[in-house]
């Protein structure tokens, strides 16, 4: 049966086992790296730099600033900072403040 059919006719709910709900180390590493990497990209303001690409497209600096208002820049920088904090917390979760954490075997 396809997954599309499950949307309209879902399977009955069931209790998940402890093994199915455990965190895995690769998941923790990947989410930590994503948070640090993409958060760093957003927090440094890289998406808002006026580059030669925009200049070649005929976009002026005033038009570029109009397309990226200050509230948008501050919002994305703040979101990037939150992703960095998430990456730090997620990356240090298993060995600093939650030492009894058990990981899924794979």
PDB file of N, CA and C in Angstrom:
ATOM      1  N   UNK A   1       0.842  -1.164   0.000  1.00  0.00           N
ATOM      2  CA  UNK A   1       0.000   0.000   0.000  1.00  0.00           C
ATOM      3  C   UNK A   1       0.896   1.240   0.000  1.00  0.00           C
ATOM      4  N   UNK A   2       0.503   2.255  -0.732  1.00  0.00           N
ATOM      5  CA  UNK A   2       1.340   3.450  -0.823  1.00  0.00           C
ATOM      6  C   UNK A   2       1.136   4.365   0.379  1.00  0.00           C
ATOM      7  N   UNK A   3       2.055   5.295   0.544  1.00  0.00           N
ATOM      8  CA  UNK A   3       1.958   6.259   1.638  1.00  0.00           C
ATOM      9  C   UNK A   3       0.835   7.265   1.416  1.00  0.00           C
ATOM     10  N   UNK A   4       0.460   7.510   0.158  1.00  0.00           N
ATOM     11  CA  UNK A   4      -0.628   8.437  -0.136  1.00  0.00           C
ATOM     12  C   UNK A   4      -1.942   7.903   0.429  1.00  0.00           C
ATOM     13  N   UNK A   5      -2.159   6.615   0.326  1.00  0.00           N
ATOM     14  CA  UNK A   5      -3.382   6.011   0.855  1.00  0.00           C
ATOM     15  C   UNK A   5      -3.424   6.168   2.372  1.00  0.00           C
ATOM     16  N   UNK A   6      -2.260   6.118   3.027  1.00  0.00           N
ATOM     17  CA  UNK A   6      -2.208   6.276   4.486  1.00  0.00           C
ATOM     18  C   UNK A   6      -2.671   7.664   4.933  1.00  0.00           C
ATOM     19  N   UNK A   7      -2.561   8.658   4.077  1.00  0.00           N
ATOM     20  CA  UNK A   7      -3.018   9.998   4.433  1.00  0.00           C
ATOM     21  C   UNK A   7      -4.536  10.015   4.573  1.00  0.00           C
ATOM     22  N   UNK A   8      -5.216   9.358   3.648  1.00  0.00           N
ATOM     23  CA  UNK A   8      -6.675   9.361   3.661  1.00  0.00           C
ATOM     24  C   UNK A   8      -7.265   8.258   4.530  1.00  0.00           C
ATOM     25  N   UNK A   9      -6.534   7.177   4.695  1.00  0.00           N
ATOM     26  CA  UNK A   9      -6.996   6.047   5.495  1.00  0.00           C
ATOM     27  C   UNK A   9      -5.844   5.618   6.405  1.00  0.00           C
ATOM     28  N   UNK A  10      -5.604   6.355   7.508  1.00  0.00           N
ATOM     29  CA  UNK A  10      -4.426   6.075   8.336  1.00  0.00           C
ATOM     30  C   UNK A  10      -4.516   4.737   9.054  1.00  0.00           C
ATOM     31  N   UNK A  11      -3.343   4.186   9.320  1.00  0.00           N
ATOM     32  CA  UNK A  11      -3.269   2.946  10.084  1.00  0.00           C
ATOM     33  C   UNK A  11      -3.648   3.224  11.531  1.00  0.00           C
ATOM     34  N   UNK A  12      -4.099   2.211  12.254  1.00  0.00           N
ATOM     35  CA  UNK A  12      -4.448   2.440  13.665  1.00  0.00           C
ATOM     36  C   UNK A  12      -3.210   2.813  14.477  1.00  0.00           C
ATOM     37  N   UNK A  13      -3.411   3.630  15.514  1.00  0.00           N
ATOM     38  CA  UNK A  13      -2.296   4.039  16.357  1.00  0.00           C
ATOM     39  C   UNK A  13      -1.824   2.874  17.209  1.00  0.00           C
ATOM     40  N   UNK A  14      -0.556   2.929  17.592  1.00  0.00           N
ATOM     41  CA  UNK A  14       0.015   1.878  18.429  1.00  0.00           C
ATOM     42  C   UNK A  14       1.020   2.512  19.367  1.00  0.00           C
ATOM     43  N   UNK A  15       1.336   1.807  20.422  1.00  0.00           N
ATOM     44  CA  UNK A  15       2.345   2.261  21.371  1.00  0.00           C
ATOM     45  C   UNK A  15       3.729   1.982  20.793  1.00  0.00           C
ATOM     46  N   UNK A  16       4.601   2.981  20.818  1.00  0.00           N
ATOM     47  CA  UNK A  16       5.962   2.795  20.335  1.00  0.00           C
ATOM     48  C   UNK A  16       6.821   2.205  21.442  1.00  0.00           C
ATOM     49  N   UNK A  17       7.752   1.347  21.049  1.00  0.00           N
ATOM     50  CA  UNK A  17       8.646   0.741  22.033  1.00  0.00           C
ATOM     51  C   UNK A  17       9.726   1.751  22.439  1.00  0.00           C
ATOM     52  N   UNK A  18      10.411   1.441  23.510  1.00  0.00           N
ATOM     53  CA  UNK A  18      11.492   2.308  23.994  1.00  0.00           C
ATOM     54  C   UNK A  18      12.592   2.431  22.939  1.00  0.00           C
ATOM     55  N   UNK A  19      12.899   1.346  22.247  1.00  0.00           N
ATOM     56  CA  UNK A  19      13.943   1.348  21.215  1.00  0.00           C
ATOM     57  C   UNK A  19      13.571   2.276  20.052  1.00  0.00           C
ATOM     58  N   UNK A  20      12.298   2.323  19.690  1.00  0.00           N
ATOM     59  CA  UNK A  20      11.863   3.155  18.569  1.00  0.00           C
ATOM     60  C   UNK A  20      11.920   4.648  18.885  1.00  0.00           C
ATOM     61  N   UNK A  21      11.823   5.011  20.135  1.00  0.00           N
ATOM     62  CA  UNK A  21      11.806   6.426  20.500  1.00  0.00           C
ATOM     63  C   UNK A  21      13.162   6.948  20.963  1.00  0.00           C
ATOM     64  N   UNK A  22      14.167   6.095  20.997  1.00  0.00           N
ATOM     65  CA  UNK A  22      15.495   6.530  21.443  1.00  0.00           C
ATOM     66  C   UNK A  22      16.172   7.397  20.387  1.00  0.00           C
ATOM     67  N   UNK A  23      17.015   8.301  20.851  1.00  0.00           N
ATOM     68  CA  UNK A  23      17.794   9.164  19.979  1.00  0.00           C
ATOM     69  C   UNK A  23      18.998   8.379  19.456  1.00  0.00           C
ATOM     70  N   UNK A  24      19.481   8.731  18.270  1.00  0.00           N
ATOM     71  CA  UNK A  24      20.680   8.065  17.755  1.00  0.00           C
ATOM     72  C   UNK A  24      21.802   9.103  17.628  1.00  0.00           C
ATOM     73  N   UNK A  25      23.022   8.653  17.764  1.00  0.00           N
ATOM     74  CA  UNK A  25      24.173   9.552  17.730  1.00  0.00           C
ATOM     75  C   UNK A  25      24.313  10.274  16.384  1.00  0.00           C
ATOM     76  N   UNK A  26      24.150   9.591  15.234  1.00  0.00           N
ATOM     77  CA  UNK A  26      24.236  10.327  13.969  1.00  0.00           C
ATOM     78  C   UNK A  26      23.173  11.419  13.841  1.00  0.00           C
ATOM     79  N   UNK A  27      21.981  11.169  14.394  1.00  0.00           N
ATOM     80  CA  UNK A  27      20.931  12.202  14.362  1.00  0.00           C
ATOM     81  C   UNK A  27      21.355  13.411  15.179  1.00  0.00           C
ATOM     82  N   UNK A  28      21.957  13.171  16.323  1.00  0.00           N
ATOM     83  CA  UNK A  28      22.400  14.258  17.189  1.00  0.00           C
ATOM     84  C   UNK A  28      23.523  15.049  16.518  1.00  0.00           C
ATOM     85  N   UNK A  29      24.456  14.364  15.900  1.00  0.00           N
ATOM     86  CA  UNK A  29      25.576  15.042  15.236  1.00  0.00           C
ATOM     87  C   UNK A  29      25.077  15.877  14.059  1.00  0.00           C
ATOM     88  N   UNK A  30      24.199  15.304  13.235  1.00  0.00           N
ATOM     89  CA  UNK A  30      23.708  16.031  12.065  1.00  0.00           C
ATOM     90  C   UNK A  30      22.885  17.255  12.455  1.00  0.00           C
ATOM     91  N   UNK A  31      22.018  17.124  13.449  1.00  0.00           N
ATOM     92  CA  UNK A  31      21.217  18.284  13.847  1.00  0.00           C
ATOM     93  C   UNK A  31      22.095  19.361  14.480  1.00  0.00           C
ATOM     94  N   UNK A  32      23.129  18.952  15.191  1.00  0.00           N
ATOM     95  CA  UNK A  32      24.046  19.921  15.778  1.00  0.00           C
ATOM     96  C   UNK A  32      24.823  20.659  14.688  1.00  0.00           C
ATOM     97  N   UNK A  33      25.331  19.936  13.710  1.00  0.00           N
ATOM     98  CA  UNK A  33      26.073  20.571  12.618  1.00  0.00           C
ATOM     99  C   UNK A  33      25.179  21.484  11.784  1.00  0.00           C
ATOM    100  N   UNK A  34      23.939  21.059  11.550  1.00  0.00           N
ATOM    101  CA  UNK A  34      23.006  21.912  10.812  1.00  0.00           C
ATOM    102  C   UNK A  34      22.747  23.204  11.577  1.00  0.00           C
ATOM    103  N   UNK A  35      22.490  23.090  12.865  1.00  0.00           N
ATOM    104  CA  UNK A  35      22.223  24.279  13.672  1.00  0.00           C
ATOM    105  C   UNK A  35      23.400  25.232  13.690  1.00  0.00           C
ATOM    106  N   UNK A  36      24.602  24.692  13.852  1.00  0.00           N
ATOM    107  CA  UNK A  36      25.793  25.545  13.883  1.00  0.00           C
ATOM    108  C   UNK A  36      26.100  26.142  12.512  1.00  0.00           C
ATOM    109  N   UNK A  37      26.012  25.324  11.467  1.00  0.00           N
ATOM    110  CA  UNK A  37      26.365  25.789  10.124  1.00  0.00           C
ATOM    111  C   UNK A  37      25.380  26.787   9.548  1.00  0.00           C
ATOM    112  N   UNK A  38      24.115  26.407   9.474  1.00  0.00           N
ATOM    113  CA  UNK A  38      23.108  27.292   8.890  1.00  0.00           C
ATOM    114  C   UNK A  38      22.839  28.484   9.801  1.00  0.00           C
ATOM    115  N   UNK A  39      22.890  28.256  11.107  1.00  0.00           N
ATOM    116  CA  UNK A  39      22.730  29.367  12.043  1.00  0.00           C
ATOM    117  C   UNK A  39      23.851  30.376  11.899  1.00  0.00           C
ATOM    118  N   UNK A  40      25.082  29.891  11.720  1.00  0.00           N
ATOM    119  CA  UNK A  40      26.205  30.798  11.504  1.00  0.00           C
ATOM    120  C   UNK A  40      26.073  31.575  10.211  1.00  0.00           C
ATOM    121  N   UNK A  41      25.571  30.914   9.173  1.00  0.00           N
ATOM    122  CA  UNK A  41      25.354  31.581   7.890  1.00  0.00           C
ATOM    123  C   UNK A  41      24.342  32.717   8.034  1.00  0.00           C
ATOM    124  N   UNK A  42      23.236  32.446   8.713  1.00  0.00           N
ATOM    125  CA  UNK A  42      22.214  33.480   8.883  1.00  0.00           C
ATOM    126  C   UNK A  42      22.658  34.571   9.853  1.00  0.00           C
ATOM    127  N   UNK A  43      23.306  34.190  10.944  1.00  0.00           N
ATOM    128  CA  UNK A  43      23.678  35.163  11.977  1.00  0.00           C
ATOM    129  C   UNK A  43      24.745  36.142  11.493  1.00  0.00           C
ATOM    130  N   UNK A  44      25.590  35.727  10.559  1.00  0.00           N
ATOM    131  CA  UNK A  44      26.624  36.636  10.061  1.00  0.00           C
ATOM    132  C   UNK A  44      26.097  37.621   9.029  1.00  0.00           C
ATOM    133  N   UNK A  45      24.878  37.410   8.551  1.00  0.00           N
ATOM    134  CA  UNK A  45      24.304  38.331   7.575  1.00  0.00           C
ATOM    135  C   UNK A  45      24.730  38.066   6.149  1.00  0.00           C
ATOM    136  N   UNK A  46      25.264  36.913   5.862  1.00  0.00           N
ATOM    137  CA  UNK A  46      25.700  36.585   4.504  1.00  0.00           C
ATOM    138  C   UNK A  46      24.579  36.693   3.464  1.00  0.00           C
ATOM    139  N   UNK A  47      23.341  36.312   3.779  1.00  0.00           N
ATOM    140  CA  UNK A  47      22.301  36.408   2.742  1.00  0.00           C
ATOM    141  C   UNK A  47      21.970  37.841   2.337  1.00  0.00           C
ATOM    142  N   UNK A  48      22.410  38.827   3.097  1.00  0.00           N
ATOM    143  CA  UNK A  48      22.026  40.212   2.844  1.00  0.00           C
ATOM    144  C   UNK A  48      23.163  41.051   2.292  1.00  0.00           C
ATOM    145  N   UNK A  49      24.179  40.430   1.774  1.00  0.00           N
ATOM    146  CA  UNK A  49      25.288  41.195   1.202  1.00  0.00           C
ATOM    147  C   UNK A  49      24.984  41.502  -0.265  1.00  0.00           C
ATOM    148  N   UNK A  50      25.177  42.747  -0.628  1.00  0.00           N
ATOM    149  CA  UNK A  50      24.978  43.187  -2.004  1.00  0.00           C
ATOM    150  C   UNK A  50      26.199  42.771  -2.811  1.00  0.00           C
ATOM    151  N   UNK A  51      26.027  41.813  -3.710  1.00  0.00           N
ATOM    152  CA  UNK A  51      27.155  41.243  -4.447  1.00  0.00           C
ATOM    153  C   UNK A  51      27.075  41.591  -5.932  1.00  0.00           C
ATOM    154  N   UNK A  52      28.063  41.114  -6.668  1.00  0.00           N
ATOM    155  CA  UNK A  52      28.082  41.322  -8.116  1.00  0.00           C
ATOM    156  C   UNK A  52      26.915  40.626  -8.801  1.00  0.00           C
ATOM    157  N   UNK A  53      26.418  39.568  -8.212  1.00  0.00           N
ATOM    158  CA  UNK A  53      25.277  38.853  -8.794  1.00  0.00           C
ATOM    159  C   UNK A  53      24.068  39.786  -8.906  1.00  0.00           C
ATOM    160  N   UNK A  54      23.778  40.513  -7.849  1.00  0.00           N
ATOM    161  CA  UNK A  54      22.662  41.462  -7.887  1.00  0.00           C
ATOM    162  C   UNK A  54      22.959  42.617  -8.842  1.00  0.00           C
ATOM    163  N   UNK A  55      24.195  43.053  -8.846  1.00  0.00           N
ATOM    164  CA  UNK A  55      24.590  44.157  -9.723  1.00  0.00           C
ATOM    165  C   UNK A  55      24.408  43.758 -11.188  1.00  0.00           C
ATOM    166  N   UNK A  56      24.772  42.511 -11.535  1.00  0.00           N
ATOM    167  CA  UNK A  56      24.603  42.033 -12.914  1.00  0.00           C
ATOM    168  C   UNK A  56      23.136  41.885 -13.294  1.00  0.00           C
ATOM    169  N   UNK A  57      22.286  41.629 -12.305  1.00  0.00           N
ATOM    170  CA  UNK A  57      20.853  41.504 -12.579  1.00  0.00           C
ATOM    171  C   UNK A  57      20.174  42.861 -12.719  1.00  0.00           C
ATOM    172  N   UNK A  58      20.916  43.923 -12.508  1.00  0.00           N
ATOM    173  CA  UNK A  58      20.373  45.268 -12.651  1.00  0.00           C
ATOM    174  C   UNK A  58      19.668  45.777 -11.407  1.00  0.00           C
ATOM    175  N   UNK A  59      19.933  45.173 -10.266  1.00  0.00           N
ATOM    176  CA  UNK A  59      19.316  45.608  -9.015  1.00  0.00           C
ATOM    177  C   UNK A  59      20.226  46.643  -8.368  1.00  0.00           C
ATOM    178  N   UNK A  60      19.666  47.792  -8.072  1.00  0.00           N
ATOM    179  CA  UNK A  60      20.455  48.841  -7.419  1.00  0.00           C
ATOM    180  C   UNK A  60      20.542  48.555  -5.922  1.00  0.00           C
ATOM    181  N   UNK A  61      21.451  49.248  -5.255  1.00  0.00           N
ATOM    182  CA  UNK A  61      21.605  49.080  -3.811  1.00  0.00           C
ATOM    183  C   UNK A  61      20.330  49.493  -3.082  1.00  0.00           C
ATOM    184  N   UNK A  62      19.684  50.563  -3.558  1.00  0.00           N
ATOM    185  CA  UNK A  62      18.433  51.013  -2.931  1.00  0.00           C
ATOM    186  C   UNK A  62      17.337  49.959  -3.096  1.00  0.00           C
ATOM    187  N   UNK A  63      17.241  49.363  -4.274  1.00  0.00           N
ATOM    188  CA  UNK A  63      16.246  48.306  -4.505  1.00  0.00           C
ATOM    189  C   UNK A  63      16.557  47.076  -3.659  1.00  0.00           C
ATOM    190  N   UNK A  64      17.830  46.752  -3.529  1.00  0.00           N
ATOM    191  CA  UNK A  64      18.230  45.604  -2.706  1.00  0.00           C
ATOM    192  C   UNK A  64      17.845  45.833  -1.247  1.00  0.00           C
ATOM    193  N   UNK A  65      18.086  47.049  -0.751  1.00  0.00           N
ATOM    194  CA  UNK A  65      17.707  47.374   0.628  1.00  0.00           C
ATOM    195  C   UNK A  65      16.191  47.365   0.799  1.00  0.00           C
ATOM    196  N   UNK A  66      15.470  47.751  -0.238  1.00  0.00           N
ATOM    197  CA  UNK A  66      14.006  47.739  -0.181  1.00  0.00           C
ATOM    198  C   UNK A  66      13.483  46.300  -0.133  1.00  0.00           C
ATOM    199  N   UNK A  67      14.139  45.403  -0.834  1.00  0.00           N
ATOM    200  CA  UNK A  67      13.728  43.993  -0.835  1.00  0.00           C
ATOM    201  C   UNK A  67      14.076  43.286   0.470  1.00  0.00           C
ATOM    202  N   UNK A  68      15.058  43.794   1.181  1.00  0.00           N
ATOM    203  CA  UNK A  68      15.487  43.209   2.458  1.00  0.00           C
ATOM    204  C   UNK A  68      15.384  44.260   3.558  1.00  0.00           C
ATOM    205  N   UNK A  69      14.177  44.511   4.070  1.00  0.00           N
ATOM    206  CA  UNK A  69      14.036  45.544   5.107  1.00  0.00           C
ATOM    207  C   UNK A  69      14.749  45.154   6.394  1.00  0.00           C
ATOM    208  N   UNK A  70      14.945  46.145   7.247  1.00  0.00           N
ATOM    209  CA  UNK A  70      15.706  45.939   8.488  1.00  0.00           C
ATOM    210  C   UNK A  70      15.054  44.898   9.391  1.00  0.00           C
ATOM    211  N   UNK A  71      13.718  44.897   9.493  1.00  0.00           N
ATOM    212  CA  UNK A  71      13.054  43.928  10.362  1.00  0.00           C
ATOM    213  C   UNK A  71      13.305  42.498   9.877  1.00  0.00           C
ATOM    214  N   UNK A  72      13.410  42.312   8.561  1.00  0.00           N
ATOM    215  CA  UNK A  72      13.672  40.991   7.993  1.00  0.00           C
ATOM    216  C   UNK A  72      15.099  40.547   8.327  1.00  0.00           C
ATOM    217  N   UNK A  73      16.045  41.466   8.189  1.00  0.00           N
ATOM    218  CA  UNK A  73      17.440  41.150   8.497  1.00  0.00           C
ATOM    219  C   UNK A  73      17.609  40.793   9.968  1.00  0.00           C
ATOM    220  N   UNK A  74      17.020  41.606  10.844  1.00  0.00           N
ATOM    221  CA  UNK A  74      17.133  41.354  12.283  1.00  0.00           C
ATOM    222  C   UNK A  74      16.452  40.036  12.649  1.00  0.00           C
ATOM    223  N   UNK A  75      15.302  39.774  12.041  1.00  0.00           N
ATOM    224  CA  UNK A  75      14.588  38.528  12.316  1.00  0.00           C
ATOM    225  C   UNK A  75      15.389  37.302  11.918  1.00  0.00           C
ATOM    226  N   UNK A  76      15.973  37.328  10.725  1.00  0.00           N
ATOM    227  CA  UNK A  76      16.760  36.168  10.284  1.00  0.00           C
ATOM    228  C   UNK A  76      18.059  36.030  11.065  1.00  0.00           C
ATOM    229  N   UNK A  77      18.660  37.134  11.435  1.00  0.00           N
ATOM    230  CA  UNK A  77      19.868  37.053  12.272  1.00  0.00           C
ATOM    231  C   UNK A  77      19.538  36.481  13.639  1.00  0.00           C
ATOM    232  N   UNK A  78      18.402  36.883  14.197  1.00  0.00           N
ATOM    233  CA  UNK A  78      17.963  36.326  15.477  1.00  0.00           C
ATOM    234  C   UNK A  78      17.664  34.845  15.373  1.00  0.00           C
ATOM    235  N   UNK A  79      17.011  34.438  14.279  1.00  0.00           N
ATOM    236  CA  UNK A  79      16.738  33.019  14.057  1.00  0.00           C
ATOM    237  C   UNK A  79      18.041  32.243  13.910  1.00  0.00           C
ATOM    238  N   UNK A  80      19.018  32.825  13.220  1.00  0.00           N
ATOM    239  CA  UNK A  80      20.325  32.187  13.091  1.00  0.00           C
ATOM    240  C   UNK A  80      21.005  32.019  14.436  1.00  0.00           C
ATOM    241  N   UNK A  81      20.881  33.025  15.286  1.00  0.00           N
ATOM    242  CA  UNK A  81      21.456  32.926  16.632  1.00  0.00           C
ATOM    243  C   UNK A  81      20.780  31.825  17.436  1.00  0.00           C
ATOM    244  N   UNK A  82      19.462  31.711  17.288  1.00  0.00           N
ATOM    245  CA  UNK A  82      18.747  30.630  17.987  1.00  0.00           C
ATOM    246  C   UNK A  82      19.189  29.263  17.476  1.00  0.00           C
ATOM    247  N   UNK A  83      19.439  29.142  16.172  1.00  0.00           N
ATOM    248  CA  UNK A  83      19.929  27.872  15.629  1.00  0.00           C
ATOM    249  C   UNK A  83      21.316  27.537  16.172  1.00  0.00           C
ATOM    250  N   UNK A  84      22.162  28.531  16.350  1.00  0.00           N
ATOM    251  CA  UNK A  84      23.490  28.293  16.924  1.00  0.00           C
ATOM    252  C   UNK A  84      23.357  27.779  18.351  1.00  0.00           C
ATOM    253  N   UNK A  85      22.492  28.409  19.137  1.00  0.00           N
ATOM    254  CA  UNK A  85      22.270  27.952  20.514  1.00  0.00           C
ATOM    255  C   UNK A  85      21.722  26.531  20.511  1.00  0.00           C
ATOM    256  N   UNK A  86      20.765  26.245  19.610  1.00  0.00           N
ATOM    257  CA  UNK A  86      20.232  24.892  19.490  1.00  0.00           C
ATOM    258  C   UNK A  86      21.338  23.900  19.143  1.00  0.00           C
ATOM    259  N   UNK A  87      22.219  24.263  18.212  1.00  0.00           N
ATOM    260  CA  UNK A  87      23.308  23.371  17.824  1.00  0.00           C
ATOM    261  C   UNK A  87      24.258  23.087  18.968  1.00  0.00           C
ATOM    262  N   UNK A  88      24.540  24.106  19.775  1.00  0.00           N
ATOM    263  CA  UNK A  88      25.426  23.909  20.930  1.00  0.00           C
ATOM    264  C   UNK A  88      24.761  23.010  21.960  1.00  0.00           C
ATOM    265  N   UNK A  89      23.500  23.287  22.259  1.00  0.00           N
ATOM    266  CA  UNK A  89      22.786  22.467  23.245  1.00  0.00           C
ATOM    267  C   UNK A  89      22.659  21.035  22.752  1.00  0.00           C
ATOM    268  N   UNK A  90      22.288  20.869  21.495  1.00  0.00           N
ATOM    269  CA  UNK A  90      22.104  19.523  20.933  1.00  0.00           C
ATOM    270  C   UNK A  90      23.431  18.768  20.881  1.00  0.00           C
ATOM    271  N   UNK A  91      24.501  19.455  20.550  1.00  0.00           N
ATOM    272  CA  UNK A  91      25.796  18.800  20.442  1.00  0.00           C
ATOM    273  C   UNK A  91      26.391  18.395  21.775  1.00  0.00           C
ATOM    274  N   UNK A  92      26.079  19.143  22.822  1.00  0.00           N
ATOM    275  CA  UNK A  92      26.652  18.833  24.137  1.00  0.00           C
ATOM    276  C   UNK A  92      25.702  18.043  25.019  1.00  0.00           C
ATOM    277  N   UNK A  93      24.547  17.701  24.501  1.00  0.00           N
ATOM    278  CA  UNK A  93      23.511  17.056  25.303  1.00  0.00           C
ATOM    279  C   UNK A  93      23.957  15.745  25.926  1.00  0.00           C
ATOM    280  N   UNK A  94      24.582  14.887  25.170  1.00  0.00           N
ATOM    281  CA  UNK A  94      24.889  13.551  25.652  1.00  0.00           C
ATOM    282  C   UNK A  94      26.114  13.438  26.531  1.00  0.00           C
ATOM    283  N   UNK A  95      27.018  14.414  26.503  1.00  0.00           N
ATOM    284  CA  UNK A  95      28.255  14.235  27.265  1.00  0.00           C
ATOM    285  C   UNK A  95      28.496  15.306  28.316  1.00  0.00           C
ATOM    286  N   UNK A  96      27.617  16.308  28.430  1.00  0.00           N
ATOM    287  CA  UNK A  96      27.825  17.295  29.493  1.00  0.00           C
ATOM    288  C   UNK A  96      26.693  17.323  30.506  1.00  0.00           C
ATOM    289  N   UNK A  97      25.473  17.540  30.072  1.00  0.00           N
ATOM    290  CA  UNK A  97      24.411  17.728  31.042  1.00  0.00           C
ATOM    291  C   UNK A  97      23.387  16.601  31.075  1.00  0.00           C
ATOM    292  N   UNK A  98      23.546  15.575  30.258  1.00  0.00           N
ATOM    293  CA  UNK A  98      22.640  14.423  30.282  1.00  0.00           C
ATOM    294  C   UNK A  98      23.479  13.160  30.091  1.00  0.00           C
ATOM    295  N   UNK A  99      24.335  12.873  31.050  1.00  0.00           N
ATOM    296  CA  UNK A  99      25.320  11.800  30.900  1.00  0.00           C
ATOM    297  C   UNK A  99      24.707  10.408  30.906  1.00  0.00           C
ATOM    298  N   UNK A 100      23.507  10.255  31.446  1.00  0.00           N
ATOM    299  CA  UNK A 100      22.875   8.934  31.492  1.00  0.00           C
ATOM    300  C   UNK A 100      22.092   8.623  30.220  1.00  0.00           C
ATOM    301  N   UNK A 101      22.159   9.485  29.234  1.00  0.00           N
ATOM    302  CA  UNK A 101      21.388   9.302  28.008  1.00  0.00           C
ATOM    303  C   UNK A 101      21.843   8.045  27.272  1.00  0.00           C
ATOM    304  N   UNK A 102      20.890   7.254  26.839  1.00  0.00           N
ATOM    305  CA  UNK A 102      21.163   6.038  26.075  1.00  0.00           C
ATOM    306  C   UNK A 102      20.803   6.298  24.616  1.00  0.00           C
ATOM    307  N   UNK A 103      21.635   5.798  23.724  1.00  0.00           N
ATOM    308  CA  UNK A 103      21.418   5.992  22.301  1.00  0.00           C
ATOM    309  C   UNK A 103      20.978   4.697  21.645  1.00  0.00           C
ATOM    310  N   UNK A 104      20.257   4.851  20.541  1.00  0.00           N
ATOM    311  CA  UNK A 104      19.790   3.705  19.774  1.00  0.00           C
ATOM    312  C   UNK A 104      20.980   3.021  19.117  1.00  0.00           C
ATOM    313  N   UNK A 105      20.991   1.711  19.157  1.00  0.00           N
ATOM    314  CA  UNK A 105      22.039   0.955  18.458  1.00  0.00           C
ATOM    315  C   UNK A 105      21.661   0.839  16.992  1.00  0.00           C
ATOM    316  N   UNK A 106      22.664   0.984  16.134  1.00  0.00           N
ATOM    317  CA  UNK A 106      22.396   0.856  14.702  1.00  0.00           C
ATOM    318  C   UNK A 106      23.398  -0.038  14.057  1.00  0.00           C
TER     319      UNK A 106
END
